[in-house]
Each structure stands twice: as structure tokens, then as C-alpha cells.
Amino acid sequence: MKQAWYLGYGAEEVADRALLVGDPDRVDRIADMMTEVRFLPVKRGLKSITGRYAGRPVTVAAFGMGAPIATIVAHELADLGVRHLLRIGTAMYFPDAKAGDLVTASAAISFEGTSKSYSGSNGLKADTALLRAVDKAASAAGALVKKGLFATFDAFYREMFALPGDTEAERRVAANRARLADIGAIAADMETSALMSVSRALGLSCGSICLATVDGLTLEKIDAEAMAAGEPLLFRIGLDALTAR
């Protein structure tokens, strides 16, 4: 029986499609929206389930944070037979997105180091059928999803967010903000470009949809009420889109 090195489970335990989430606590909340849920063994904190949604089998896998571990999870899932990946989570946002919006990546640009080991960091685009499914699911839910370019970074506290008093980080973050404004990025995160890169290399369909939670210009965070309202909607649209094909 084929068994994944880090995830620790076999091909018969996963579906052909998977939601990828960062926070493992989200796995439990998504499980409440599914039926016939089976919690898979947890190794290295990598929490996963397989269940059914709208009558179709779906795996939900948590990767934690960052491109290297996200691509390990994606690569192992692909080796076990997963063919469709949708990353859902949170992202820093830029105009014209607003706090609480749902933003999806039509394309991504890599400022992370993992993509070069796969298919490179140029021309990374979301699967068009999956993008259409996200739009359709959002419309059915009465929500608007804003599409655009995602930028992906490795060093959160040096490239995306500066802690108080870290002048070097403040300089780098300011330069990145200006760069992202120049290229018209709508969001920034730590995984999307790498997941698109590994998916292109392995022949998977891939997309990324996120809740806009941190203003990339002011660094203000979304409030708890907006987060509580946005997260279930994000889950529902992600599940609907992933099971539509």
C-alpha cells in the first residue's frame, strides 16, 4: 500500500480533490459542513479529513504556514491521487479589495523560493474551470469574489509585516508595498504561487480563494465580527466550487 512520507496515510484514504487550509482548526469547522467524515492520523501537526460534500468525496488538508510545507502536502496528495486543489484561507489585500471581501487568484507572482524547484515562477495561472466554478458558487451564495494577481512571499516579518522597531523590515515592507502597487496585485500571501507552481509541474488543477483580512497599506486587521461572518462563506464557496466539476 502506497503511503505518504509526511502525511502518513494511503491513496485509499483521500479523494481526488482537496481543500488546502493553513490553520488546522479550520479542518474541524469544515468537517461540520460535510458528511461521512473520517479524521485521518495526524503526523507533524498535519491534520486532514476525508468526507462527502454534495454527495462527492472531498479531502481537507491543513499545511500550517508557508510555501515549503504547503507544497510538501500538495505533492504528497498528488502522489496519492488528488487531481484538483483549492487553497482557502486569509490574505493581505490591496485596492480595490476591502476588508471582508473574498479575493481569488487569477494568476500569481512568486517572491518565494519554492517555485523554482518545480515549474518556475513565471506565468502562474489558476485553472480556468476552477475559477469559473468559484464565480458560480459565489454568485449562488449571493457573494462577489474579486479576481486578480496574488503575490507570494516567504519571510512574513521581513517582507509583508514589520514588527515595531524593526527598521530593516519596515524598509523592505515599504518597498514591497510600492512594488505590489506597481504590478497591480490584489492580495499577498505565503502559499499561492508555490501551489500553482507545483500544480503546473504535476498536472493538477489549482486555485486559491481567500478572505481579505489585513490591509496591505495600513496593516489594519479585520474585526472578529467580520471574520466570523466571512469564514463560513469562504468554506461554502470553496466546497461548492471544488465539487462542481
Foldseek 3Di string as FASTA:
>chain_A
DDAQDFQGHALVFAFQEEEEEADPVVQVVLVVQFPPKDWDDDGPNWTKIWTDDPRGIYIYIHQHFFAPSSLSVVVRNVVSNHFAYEYEEEWAFEPPDDALAKEKEQAEAEPADQLVVFQDGPPQGADPLLVVLLCVLQVVVVHDYHYDYEYAHGDCCQAQNPDPPPVNSVVNNVVNVVVCVVVVGGTYGRHDSSSSSNCVRSVHGYIYMYRHAAHSVPRDGDDPVSVVVRPVSRSSSVVRSRPVD
